[in-house]
Amino acid sequence: VSPAIKAEFEAAGDLQGKVVGENVDNDPVCKKAMDIFVSAYGSEAGSVCLKFLPFGGLYLAGGLTPKNLKHIGHLDEAALAKQSIRNAVSEALMHQTTDGNFIHSFLDKGRLSFLLEQIPVYAVMDQSLGQRGAHYVAVKLLKGALEAAEGNQGAAAVEEGEEKGEEV
């Protein structure tokens, strides 16, 4: 590792991965680290697919995938027709890549590899998908709480009316 990259890496704190990603083409150690990461990412993605069998596709979301897409795999232009989950643009990854680290590790599951060959893999390019999902859930919970509060007020009014002998 060059002394400059090492110094930048050590000073980066939580952003050390960014330093590695930015220097993949300049430094053999960063290249090796990226290869190991991509291979582990592909292997874990394959394991998840074997657990859940998402034949409609595996959607890789979050910041890691779009930031490292050129290292993960090439895009399948024909599969771009299926490109959204609720406005989140996604890109289909081909099952054949130049170095093949991600897909090779994804498919390397012995007798069960044939199952994974049937599962398309998509890279969700919207990095705020998790935040949008959390926002959706928060709004839904708030609406439920407000409706419950309104319902309790209505129930209290009915009980009050019954106590006074009023017809409700």
C-alpha atoms as a PDB file:
ATOM      1  CA  VAL A   1       0.000   0.000   0.000  1.00  0.00           C
ATOM      2  CA  SER A   2       1.289   3.411  -0.819  1.00  0.00           C
ATOM      3  CA  PRO A   3       2.023   5.596   2.221  1.00  0.00           C
ATOM      4  CA  ALA A   4      -0.448   8.225   0.988  1.00  0.00           C
ATOM      5  CA  ILE A   5      -3.310   5.700   0.704  1.00  0.00           C
ATOM      6  CA  LYS A   6      -2.401   4.179   4.077  1.00  0.00           C
ATOM      7  CA  ALA A   7      -2.484   7.618   5.738  1.00  0.00           C
ATOM      8  CA  GLU A   8      -5.803   8.446   4.073  1.00  0.00           C
ATOM      9  CA  PHE A   9      -7.229   5.061   5.119  1.00  0.00           C
ATOM     10  CA  GLU A  10      -6.155   5.463   8.748  1.00  0.00           C
ATOM     11  CA  ALA A  11      -7.601   8.981   8.925  1.00  0.00           C
ATOM     12  CA  ALA A  12     -10.902   8.026   7.264  1.00  0.00           C
ATOM     13  CA  GLY A  13     -12.606   6.561  10.339  1.00  0.00           C
ATOM     14  CA  ASP A  14     -15.974   5.135   9.286  1.00  0.00           C
ATOM     15  CA  LEU A  15     -15.244   5.957   5.637  1.00  0.00           C
ATOM     16  CA  GLN A  16     -12.348   3.534   5.180  1.00  0.00           C
ATOM     17  CA  GLY A  17     -14.363   1.534   2.649  1.00  0.00           C
ATOM     18  CA  LYS A  18     -14.687   4.657   0.531  1.00  0.00           C
ATOM     19  CA  VAL A  19     -10.902   5.046   0.481  1.00  0.00           C
ATOM     20  CA  VAL A  20     -10.527   1.441  -0.678  1.00  0.00           C
ATOM     21  CA  GLY A  21     -13.173   1.916  -3.387  1.00  0.00           C
ATOM     22  CA  GLU A  22     -11.579   5.108  -4.677  1.00  0.00           C
ATOM     23  CA  ASN A  23      -8.157   3.456  -4.960  1.00  0.00           C
ATOM     24  CA  VAL A  24      -9.081   0.080  -6.463  1.00  0.00           C
ATOM     25  CA  ASP A  25      -7.557   0.984  -9.821  1.00  0.00           C
ATOM     26  CA  ASN A  26      -4.401   2.518  -8.298  1.00  0.00           C
ATOM     27  CA  ASP A  27      -3.405   0.052  -5.603  1.00  0.00           C
ATOM     28  CA  PRO A  28      -3.136  -3.765  -5.664  1.00  0.00           C
ATOM     29  CA  VAL A  29      -4.009  -4.099  -1.965  1.00  0.00           C
ATOM     30  CA  CYS A  30      -7.192  -2.050  -2.440  1.00  0.00           C
ATOM     31  CA  LYS A  31      -8.011  -4.170  -5.513  1.00  0.00           C
ATOM     32  CA  LYS A  32      -7.566  -7.368  -3.484  1.00  0.00           C
ATOM     33  CA  ALA A  33      -9.715  -5.979  -0.645  1.00  0.00           C
ATOM     34  CA  MET A  34     -12.468  -5.097  -3.127  1.00  0.00           C
ATOM     35  CA  ASP A  35     -12.265  -8.558  -4.714  1.00  0.00           C
ATOM     36  CA  ILE A  36     -12.661 -10.180  -1.288  1.00  0.00           C
ATOM     37  CA  PHE A  37     -15.593  -7.897  -0.431  1.00  0.00           C
ATOM     38  CA  VAL A  38     -17.368  -8.531  -3.750  1.00  0.00           C
ATOM     39  CA  SER A  39     -16.852 -12.278  -3.413  1.00  0.00           C
ATOM     40  CA  ALA A  40     -18.222 -12.301   0.154  1.00  0.00           C
ATOM     41  CA  TYR A  41     -21.160 -10.094  -0.904  1.00  0.00           C
ATOM     42  CA  GLY A  42     -22.009 -12.470  -3.748  1.00  0.00           C
ATOM     43  CA  SER A  43     -21.711 -15.526  -1.519  1.00  0.00           C
ATOM     44  CA  GLU A  44     -24.012 -14.039   1.108  1.00  0.00           C
ATOM     45  CA  ALA A  45     -26.512 -12.924  -1.545  1.00  0.00           C
ATOM     46  CA  GLY A  46     -26.579 -16.504  -2.833  1.00  0.00           C
ATOM     47  CA  SER A  47     -27.136 -17.860   0.676  1.00  0.00           C
ATOM     48  CA  VAL A  48     -30.033 -15.444   1.214  1.00  0.00           C
ATOM     49  CA  CYS A  49     -31.570 -16.567  -2.076  1.00  0.00           C
ATOM     50  CA  LEU A  50     -31.341 -20.211  -1.051  1.00  0.00           C
ATOM     51  CA  LYS A  51     -33.116 -19.371   2.188  1.00  0.00           C
ATOM     52  CA  PHE A  52     -35.958 -17.320   0.687  1.00  0.00           C
ATOM     53  CA  LEU A  53     -36.018 -18.471  -2.986  1.00  0.00           C
ATOM     54  CA  PRO A  54     -36.993 -15.061  -4.458  1.00  0.00           C
ATOM     55  CA  PHE A  55     -37.668 -16.253  -8.014  1.00  0.00           C
ATOM     56  CA  GLY A  56     -39.019 -12.789  -8.871  1.00  0.00           C
ATOM     57  CA  GLY A  57     -35.563 -11.412  -8.210  1.00  0.00           C
ATOM     58  CA  LEU A  58     -33.110 -10.387  -5.539  1.00  0.00           C
ATOM     59  CA  TYR A  59     -32.912  -6.606  -5.101  1.00  0.00           C
ATOM     60  CA  LEU A  60     -29.604  -5.377  -3.702  1.00  0.00           C
ATOM     61  CA  ALA A  61     -30.414  -2.072  -2.014  1.00  0.00           C
ATOM     62  CA  GLY A  62     -28.460   0.422   0.039  1.00  0.00           C
ATOM     63  CA  GLY A  63     -25.379   2.465  -0.656  1.00  0.00           C
ATOM     64  CA  LEU A  64     -22.860  -0.338  -1.198  1.00  0.00           C
ATOM     65  CA  THR A  65     -24.283  -1.673  -4.434  1.00  0.00           C
ATOM     66  CA  PRO A  66     -24.565   1.534  -6.496  1.00  0.00           C
ATOM     67  CA  LYS A  67     -21.219   2.814  -5.241  1.00  0.00           C
ATOM     68  CA  ASN A  68     -19.441  -0.413  -6.197  1.00  0.00           C
ATOM     69  CA  LEU A  69     -21.495  -1.515  -9.193  1.00  0.00           C
ATOM     70  CA  LYS A  70     -18.569  -1.489 -11.602  1.00  0.00           C
ATOM     71  CA  HIS A  71     -16.817  -4.034  -9.370  1.00  0.00           C
ATOM     72  CA  ILE A  72     -19.910  -6.161  -8.751  1.00  0.00           C
ATOM     73  CA  GLY A  73     -20.982  -6.796 -12.323  1.00  0.00           C
ATOM     74  CA  HIS A  74     -22.071  -5.617 -15.729  1.00  0.00           C
ATOM     75  CA  LEU A  75     -25.610  -4.587 -16.507  1.00  0.00           C
ATOM     76  CA  ASP A  76     -27.979  -6.667 -18.565  1.00  0.00           C
ATOM     77  CA  GLU A  77     -29.517  -4.042 -20.835  1.00  0.00           C
ATOM     78  CA  ALA A  78     -32.319  -6.404 -21.918  1.00  0.00           C
ATOM     79  CA  ALA A  79     -33.458  -6.845 -18.327  1.00  0.00           C
ATOM     80  CA  LEU A  80     -33.712  -3.110 -17.685  1.00  0.00           C
ATOM     81  CA  ALA A  81     -37.360  -3.234 -18.733  1.00  0.00           C
ATOM     82  CA  LYS A  82     -38.142  -4.455 -15.221  1.00  0.00           C
ATOM     83  CA  GLN A  83     -36.651  -1.498 -13.465  1.00  0.00           C
ATOM     84  CA  SER A  84     -38.637  -0.210 -10.557  1.00  0.00           C
ATOM     85  CA  ILE A  85     -39.879  -0.995  -7.126  1.00  0.00           C
ATOM     86  CA  ARG A  86     -42.011   1.954  -6.091  1.00  0.00           C
ATOM     87  CA  ASN A  87     -39.991   4.503  -8.044  1.00  0.00           C
ATOM     88  CA  ALA A  88     -36.618   3.074  -6.988  1.00  0.00           C
ATOM     89  CA  VAL A  89     -34.641   2.644 -10.175  1.00  0.00           C
ATOM     90  CA  SER A  90     -32.905  -0.699 -10.341  1.00  0.00           C
ATOM     91  CA  GLU A  91     -30.551  -2.228 -12.839  1.00  0.00           C
ATOM     92  CA  ALA A  92     -30.320  -5.902 -13.672  1.00  0.00           C
ATOM     93  CA  LEU A  93     -26.980  -7.563 -13.169  1.00  0.00           C
ATOM     94  CA  MET A  94     -25.969 -10.159 -15.702  1.00  0.00           C
ATOM     95  CA  HIS A  95     -25.052 -13.629 -14.569  1.00  0.00           C
ATOM     96  CA  GLN A  96     -21.824 -13.249 -16.570  1.00  0.00           C
ATOM     97  CA  THR A  97     -19.288 -10.629 -15.538  1.00  0.00           C
ATOM     98  CA  THR A  98     -15.730  -9.847 -16.545  1.00  0.00           C
ATOM     99  CA  ASP A  99     -14.025 -11.143 -13.430  1.00  0.00           C
ATOM    100  CA  GLY A 100     -17.085 -12.918 -12.122  1.00  0.00           C
ATOM    101  CA  ASN A 101     -16.331 -12.522  -8.404  1.00  0.00           C
ATOM    102  CA  PHE A 102     -19.865 -11.573  -7.364  1.00  0.00           C
ATOM    103  CA  ILE A 103     -21.832 -13.872  -9.640  1.00  0.00           C
ATOM    104  CA  HIS A 104     -19.325 -16.720  -9.325  1.00  0.00           C
ATOM    105  CA  SER A 105     -19.635 -16.580  -5.527  1.00  0.00           C
ATOM    106  CA  PHE A 106     -23.401 -16.086  -5.808  1.00  0.00           C
ATOM    107  CA  LEU A 107     -23.773 -19.245  -7.908  1.00  0.00           C
ATOM    108  CA  ASP A 108     -21.157 -21.341  -6.072  1.00  0.00           C
ATOM    109  CA  LYS A 109     -23.620 -23.406  -4.035  1.00  0.00           C
ATOM    110  CA  GLY A 110     -22.898 -26.927  -5.215  1.00  0.00           C
ATOM    111  CA  ARG A 111     -25.950 -29.003  -6.118  1.00  0.00           C
ATOM    112  CA  LEU A 112     -28.235 -26.024  -5.488  1.00  0.00           C
ATOM    113  CA  SER A 113     -26.580 -23.685  -8.003  1.00  0.00           C
ATOM    114  CA  PHE A 114     -29.273 -24.502 -10.567  1.00  0.00           C
ATOM    115  CA  LEU A 115     -31.834 -22.753  -8.340  1.00  0.00           C
ATOM    116  CA  LEU A 116     -29.778 -19.566  -8.203  1.00  0.00           C
ATOM    117  CA  GLU A 117     -29.398 -19.510 -11.986  1.00  0.00           C
ATOM    118  CA  GLN A 118     -33.176 -18.922 -12.126  1.00  0.00           C
ATOM    119  CA  ILE A 119     -33.091 -15.866  -9.841  1.00  0.00           C
ATOM    120  CA  PRO A 120     -32.422 -12.473 -11.441  1.00  0.00           C
ATOM    121  CA  VAL A 121     -30.292 -10.065  -9.412  1.00  0.00           C
ATOM    122  CA  TYR A 122     -31.075  -6.340  -9.447  1.00  0.00           C
ATOM    123  CA  ALA A 123     -29.057  -3.406  -8.162  1.00  0.00           C
ATOM    124  CA  VAL A 124     -31.341  -0.743  -6.681  1.00  0.00           C
ATOM    125  CA  MET A 125     -29.713   2.553  -7.561  1.00  0.00           C
ATOM    126  CA  ASP A 126     -31.779   4.696  -5.161  1.00  0.00           C
ATOM    127  CA  GLN A 127     -29.637   4.968  -2.041  1.00  0.00           C
ATOM    128  CA  SER A 128     -32.462   6.468   0.045  1.00  0.00           C
ATOM    129  CA  LEU A 129     -34.756   3.457  -0.260  1.00  0.00           C
ATOM    130  CA  GLY A 130     -34.316   2.514   3.419  1.00  0.00           C
ATOM    131  CA  GLN A 131     -35.132   6.043   4.547  1.00  0.00           C
ATOM    132  CA  ARG A 132     -38.183   6.123   2.318  1.00  0.00           C
ATOM    133  CA  GLY A 133     -39.337   2.807   3.760  1.00  0.00           C
ATOM    134  CA  ALA A 134     -38.882   4.081   7.315  1.00  0.00           C
ATOM    135  CA  HIS A 135     -40.802   7.251   6.396  1.00  0.00           C
ATOM    136  CA  TYR A 136     -43.653   5.170   4.963  1.00  0.00           C
ATOM    137  CA  VAL A 137     -43.884   3.040   8.124  1.00  0.00           C
ATOM    138  CA  ALA A 138     -43.749   6.121  10.383  1.00  0.00           C
ATOM    139  CA  VAL A 139     -46.583   7.819   8.472  1.00  0.00           C
ATOM    140  CA  LYS A 140     -48.636   4.615   8.556  1.00  0.00           C
ATOM    141  CA  LEU A 141     -48.139   4.276  12.338  1.00  0.00           C
ATOM    142  CA  LEU A 142     -49.015   7.942  12.866  1.00  0.00           C
ATOM    143  CA  LYS A 143     -52.216   7.583  10.835  1.00  0.00           C
ATOM    144  CA  GLY A 144     -53.161   4.505  12.852  1.00  0.00           C
ATOM    145  CA  ALA A 145     -52.521   6.320  16.134  1.00  0.00           C
ATOM    146  CA  LEU A 146     -54.578   9.339  15.006  1.00  0.00           C
ATOM    147  CA  GLU A 147     -57.448   7.121  13.872  1.00  0.00           C
ATOM    148  CA  ALA A 148     -57.349   5.270  17.195  1.00  0.00           C
ATOM    149  CA  ALA A 149     -57.368   8.577  19.090  1.00  0.00           C
ATOM    150  CA  GLU A 150     -60.337   9.804  17.035  1.00  0.00           C
ATOM    151  CA  GLY A 151     -62.077   6.481  17.626  1.00  0.00           C
ATOM    152  CA  ASN A 152     -61.506   6.762  21.384  1.00  0.00           C
ATOM    153  CA  GLN A 153     -62.964  10.278  21.383  1.00  0.00           C
ATOM    154  CA  GLY A 154     -65.975   8.983  19.497  1.00  0.00           C
ATOM    155  CA  ALA A 155     -66.360   6.082  21.935  1.00  0.00           C
ATOM    156  CA  ALA A 156     -66.096   8.505  24.877  1.00  0.00           C
ATOM    157  CA  ALA A 157     -68.837  10.694  23.351  1.00  0.00           C
ATOM    158  CA  VAL A 158     -71.103   7.655  22.933  1.00  0.00           C
ATOM    159  CA  GLU A 159     -70.532   6.624  26.558  1.00  0.00           C
ATOM    160  CA  GLU A 160     -71.173  10.189  27.751  1.00  0.00           C
ATOM    161  CA  GLY A 161     -74.390  10.348  25.735  1.00  0.00           C
ATOM    162  CA  GLU A 162     -75.561   7.018  27.148  1.00  0.00           C
ATOM    163  CA  GLU A 163     -74.926   8.242  30.713  1.00  0.00           C
ATOM    164  CA  LYS A 164     -77.123  11.298  30.083  1.00  0.00           C
ATOM    165  CA  GLY A 165     -79.828   9.113  28.634  1.00  0.00           C
ATOM    166  CA  GLU A 166     -79.445  10.582  25.184  1.00  0.00           C
ATOM    167  CA  GLU A 167     -80.065   8.465  22.148  1.00  0.00           C
ATOM    168  CA  VAL A 168     -76.909   7.964  20.201  1.00  0.00           C
END
